[in-house]
C-alpha atoms as a PDB file:
ATOM      1  CA  MET A   1    -156.954  39.222-102.564  1.00  0.00           C
ATOM      2  CA  VAL A   2    -156.461  35.475-102.643  1.00  0.00           C
ATOM      3  CA  LEU A   3    -153.124  33.697-102.912  1.00  0.00           C
ATOM      4  CA  TYR A   4    -153.344  30.128-104.206  1.00  0.00           C
ATOM      5  CA  GLY A   5    -150.560  27.663-103.677  1.00  0.00           C
ATOM      6  CA  ILE A   6    -149.087  24.969-101.484  1.00  0.00           C
ATOM      7  CA  PRO A   7    -147.921  26.023 -98.010  1.00  0.00           C
ATOM      8  CA  ASN A   8    -144.574  24.187 -98.069  1.00  0.00           C
ATOM      9  CA  CYS A   9    -143.540  25.619-101.471  1.00  0.00           C
ATOM     10  CA  ASP A  10    -140.548  27.959-101.070  1.00  0.00           C
ATOM     11  CA  THR A  11    -141.873  30.397-103.674  1.00  0.00           C
ATOM     12  CA  VAL A  12    -145.246  30.545-101.933  1.00  0.00           C
ATOM     13  CA  LYS A  13    -143.494  31.148 -98.613  1.00  0.00           C
ATOM     14  CA  ARG A  14    -141.542  34.067-100.125  1.00  0.00           C
ATOM     15  CA  ALA A  15    -144.713  35.475-101.674  1.00  0.00           C
ATOM     16  CA  ARG A  16    -146.641  35.275 -98.413  1.00  0.00           C
ATOM     17  CA  ALA A  17    -143.770  36.957 -96.558  1.00  0.00           C
ATOM     18  CA  TRP A  18    -143.682  39.732 -99.182  1.00  0.00           C
ATOM     19  CA  LEU A  19    -147.425  40.310 -98.784  1.00  0.00           C
ATOM     20  CA  ALA A  20    -147.056  40.412 -94.994  1.00  0.00           C
ATOM     21  CA  ASP A  21    -144.102  42.845 -95.257  1.00  0.00           C
ATOM     22  CA  HIS A  22    -146.280  45.115 -97.404  1.00  0.00           C
ATOM     23  CA  LYS A  23    -149.196  44.739 -94.978  1.00  0.00           C
ATOM     24  CA  LEU A  24    -151.458  43.307 -97.662  1.00  0.00           C
ATOM     25  CA  VAL A  25    -154.311  41.309 -96.223  1.00  0.00           C
ATOM     26  CA  HIS A  26    -154.979  38.181 -98.233  1.00  0.00           C
ATOM     27  CA  ALA A  27    -156.680  34.833 -97.983  1.00  0.00           C
ATOM     28  CA  PHE A  28    -154.621  31.713 -98.616  1.00  0.00           C
ATOM     29  CA  HIS A  29    -156.063  28.793-100.567  1.00  0.00           C
ATOM     30  CA  ASP A  30    -154.110  25.546-100.411  1.00  0.00           C
ATOM     31  CA  PHE A  31    -154.988  24.063-103.769  1.00  0.00           C
ATOM     32  CA  LYS A  32    -153.349  20.765-102.962  1.00  0.00           C
ATOM     33  CA  ARG A  33    -155.754  20.180-100.068  1.00  0.00           C
ATOM     34  CA  ALA A  34    -158.787  22.192-101.190  1.00  0.00           C
ATOM     35  CA  GLY A  35    -158.421  21.695-104.935  1.00  0.00           C
ATOM     36  CA  VAL A  36    -159.098  24.106-107.748  1.00  0.00           C
ATOM     37  CA  THR A  37    -162.409  24.322-109.556  1.00  0.00           C
ATOM     38  CA  ALA A  38    -162.779  24.098-113.311  1.00  0.00           C
ATOM     39  CA  ALA A  39    -164.186  27.645-113.278  1.00  0.00           C
ATOM     40  CA  GLN A  40    -161.084  28.966-111.492  1.00  0.00           C
ATOM     41  CA  LEU A  41    -158.765  27.233-113.944  1.00  0.00           C
ATOM     42  CA  ASP A  42    -160.762  28.572-116.886  1.00  0.00           C
ATOM     43  CA  ALA A  43    -160.531  32.116-115.500  1.00  0.00           C
ATOM     44  CA  TRP A  44    -156.809  31.818-114.874  1.00  0.00           C
ATOM     45  CA  VAL A  45    -156.174  30.378-118.323  1.00  0.00           C
ATOM     46  CA  ALA A  46    -158.217  33.179-119.888  1.00  0.00           C
ATOM     47  CA  ALA A  47    -156.140  35.735-117.980  1.00  0.00           C
ATOM     48  CA  VAL A  48    -152.611  34.355-118.390  1.00  0.00           C
ATOM     49  CA  GLY A  49    -152.725  31.398-120.792  1.00  0.00           C
ATOM     50  CA  TRP A  50    -152.391  27.709-120.041  1.00  0.00           C
ATOM     51  CA  GLU A  51    -148.728  27.663-121.026  1.00  0.00           C
ATOM     52  CA  VAL A  52    -147.932  30.130-118.227  1.00  0.00           C
ATOM     53  CA  LEU A  53    -150.092  28.351-115.668  1.00  0.00           C
ATOM     54  CA  LEU A  54    -148.751  24.840-116.277  1.00  0.00           C
ATOM     55  CA  ASN A  55    -145.434  24.285-114.504  1.00  0.00           C
ATOM     56  CA  ARG A  56    -143.443  22.045-116.832  1.00  0.00           C
ATOM     57  CA  ARG A  57    -140.251  22.561-114.816  1.00  0.00           C
ATOM     58  CA  GLY A  58    -141.547  21.277-111.484  1.00  0.00           C
ATOM     59  CA  THR A  59    -141.037  17.965-109.764  1.00  0.00           C
ATOM     60  CA  MET A  60    -144.616  16.843-110.259  1.00  0.00           C
ATOM     61  CA  TRP A  61    -144.418  17.374-114.034  1.00  0.00           C
ATOM     62  CA  ARG A  62    -141.202  15.365-114.204  1.00  0.00           C
ATOM     63  CA  ARG A  63    -142.857  12.533-112.279  1.00  0.00           C
ATOM     64  CA  LEU A  64    -145.633  12.202-114.858  1.00  0.00           C
ATOM     65  CA  ASP A  65    -145.260   9.506-117.461  1.00  0.00           C
ATOM     66  CA  THR A  66    -144.362  10.593-120.982  1.00  0.00           C
ATOM     67  CA  ALA A  67    -147.802   9.768-122.382  1.00  0.00           C
ATOM     68  CA  THR A  68    -149.495  12.056-119.843  1.00  0.00           C
ATOM     69  CA  GLN A  69    -147.051  14.872-120.577  1.00  0.00           C
ATOM     70  CA  GLN A  70    -147.485  14.502-124.342  1.00  0.00           C
ATOM     71  CA  ALA A  71    -151.287  14.510-123.982  1.00  0.00           C
ATOM     72  CA  VAL A  72    -151.174  18.144-122.802  1.00  0.00           C
ATOM     73  CA  VAL A  73    -151.604  19.978-126.086  1.00  0.00           C
ATOM     74  CA  ASP A  74    -154.166  22.712-125.430  1.00  0.00           C
ATOM     75  CA  ALA A  75    -156.062  24.574-122.723  1.00  0.00           C
ATOM     76  CA  ALA A  76    -158.621  21.805-122.215  1.00  0.00           C
ATOM     77  CA  SER A  77    -156.047  19.046-121.712  1.00  0.00           C
ATOM     78  CA  ALA A  78    -153.905  21.301-119.505  1.00  0.00           C
ATOM     79  CA  CYS A  79    -156.902  22.236-117.331  1.00  0.00           C
ATOM     80  CA  ALA A  80    -157.906  18.588-116.963  1.00  0.00           C
ATOM     81  CA  LEU A  81    -154.403  17.726-115.762  1.00  0.00           C
ATOM     82  CA  MET A  82    -154.172  20.749-113.445  1.00  0.00           C
ATOM     83  CA  GLN A  83    -157.517  19.918-111.870  1.00  0.00           C
ATOM     84  CA  SER A  84    -156.558  16.297-111.250  1.00  0.00           C
ATOM     85  CA  GLN A  85    -152.935  17.141-110.262  1.00  0.00           C
ATOM     86  CA  PRO A  86    -152.916  20.672-108.777  1.00  0.00           C
ATOM     87  CA  SER A  87    -149.207  20.360-107.994  1.00  0.00           C
ATOM     88  CA  VAL A  88    -148.467  20.986-111.693  1.00  0.00           C
ATOM     89  CA  ILE A  89    -149.872  24.525-111.400  1.00  0.00           C
ATOM     90  CA  LYS A  90    -147.162  27.169-111.267  1.00  0.00           C
ATOM     91  CA  ARG A  91    -147.194  28.857-107.884  1.00  0.00           C
ATOM     92  CA  PRO A  92    -148.385  31.099-106.527  1.00  0.00           C
ATOM     93  CA  VAL A  93    -151.470  32.205-108.388  1.00  0.00           C
ATOM     94  CA  VAL A  94    -152.801  35.500-107.051  1.00  0.00           C
ATOM     95  CA  GLU A  95    -156.239  36.957-107.627  1.00  0.00           C
ATOM     96  CA  TRP A  96    -155.530  40.622-106.877  1.00  0.00           C
ATOM     97  CA  ALA A  97    -158.161  42.876-105.324  1.00  0.00           C
ATOM     98  CA  ASP A  98    -158.704  44.648-108.660  1.00  0.00           C
ATOM     99  CA  GLY A  99    -159.410  41.360-110.453  1.00  0.00           C
ATOM    100  CA  ARG A 100    -156.025  40.857-112.105  1.00  0.00           C
ATOM    101  CA  ILE A 101    -154.395  37.439-112.038  1.00  0.00           C
ATOM    102  CA  SER A 102    -150.676  36.836-111.665  1.00  0.00           C
ATOM    103  CA  VAL A 103    -148.683  33.617-111.678  1.00  0.00           C
ATOM    104  CA  GLY A 104    -145.347  33.154-109.962  1.00  0.00           C
ATOM    105  CA  PHE A 105    -143.585  35.487-107.576  1.00  0.00           C
ATOM    106  CA  ASP A 106    -141.461  38.425-108.647  1.00  0.00           C
ATOM    107  CA  ALA A 107    -141.158  41.196-106.042  1.00  0.00           C
ATOM    108  CA  GLU A 108    -140.462  43.891-108.644  1.00  0.00           C
ATOM    109  CA  ARG A 109    -143.450  42.905-110.777  1.00  0.00           C
ATOM    110  CA  TRP A 110    -145.704  42.671-107.738  1.00  0.00           C
ATOM    111  CA  GLY A 111    -144.625  46.150-106.649  1.00  0.00           C
ATOM    112  CA  ALA A 112    -145.554  47.462-110.094  1.00  0.00           C
ATOM    113  CA  LEU A 113    -148.942  45.731-109.852  1.00  0.00           C
ATOM    114  CA  LEU A 114    -149.606  47.490-106.569  1.00  0.00           C
ATOM    115  CA  GLU A 115    -148.667  50.878-108.010  1.00  0.00           C
ATOM    116  CA  ARG A 116    -151.297  50.410-110.745  1.00  0.00           C
ATOM    117  CA  GLN A 117    -154.119  49.560-108.333  1.00  0.00           C
END
């Protein structure tokens, strides 16, 4: 299991604490420092959709100029932006041990994911 995010993000902190409370061993990938590959973004978009993965409510999105925001119209343009500005990716992204991908943290949903493993 790999949890992708930014260490100082409150949602990522809650997600990591939840995983620790449930004794789930996971690797952490800081995508702000280590980046995200095009292949990873493509896999995530295929699993959840670019609209789910792109965080249009976050601070980084709001800091982008209007032209950049309006240029995001499909998966390719969203992936290009997310690769160049990983802070616009909704956090956390989790690659679960069974291959499923989830975006965001919701304790109830994560519990249900574990029950289905």
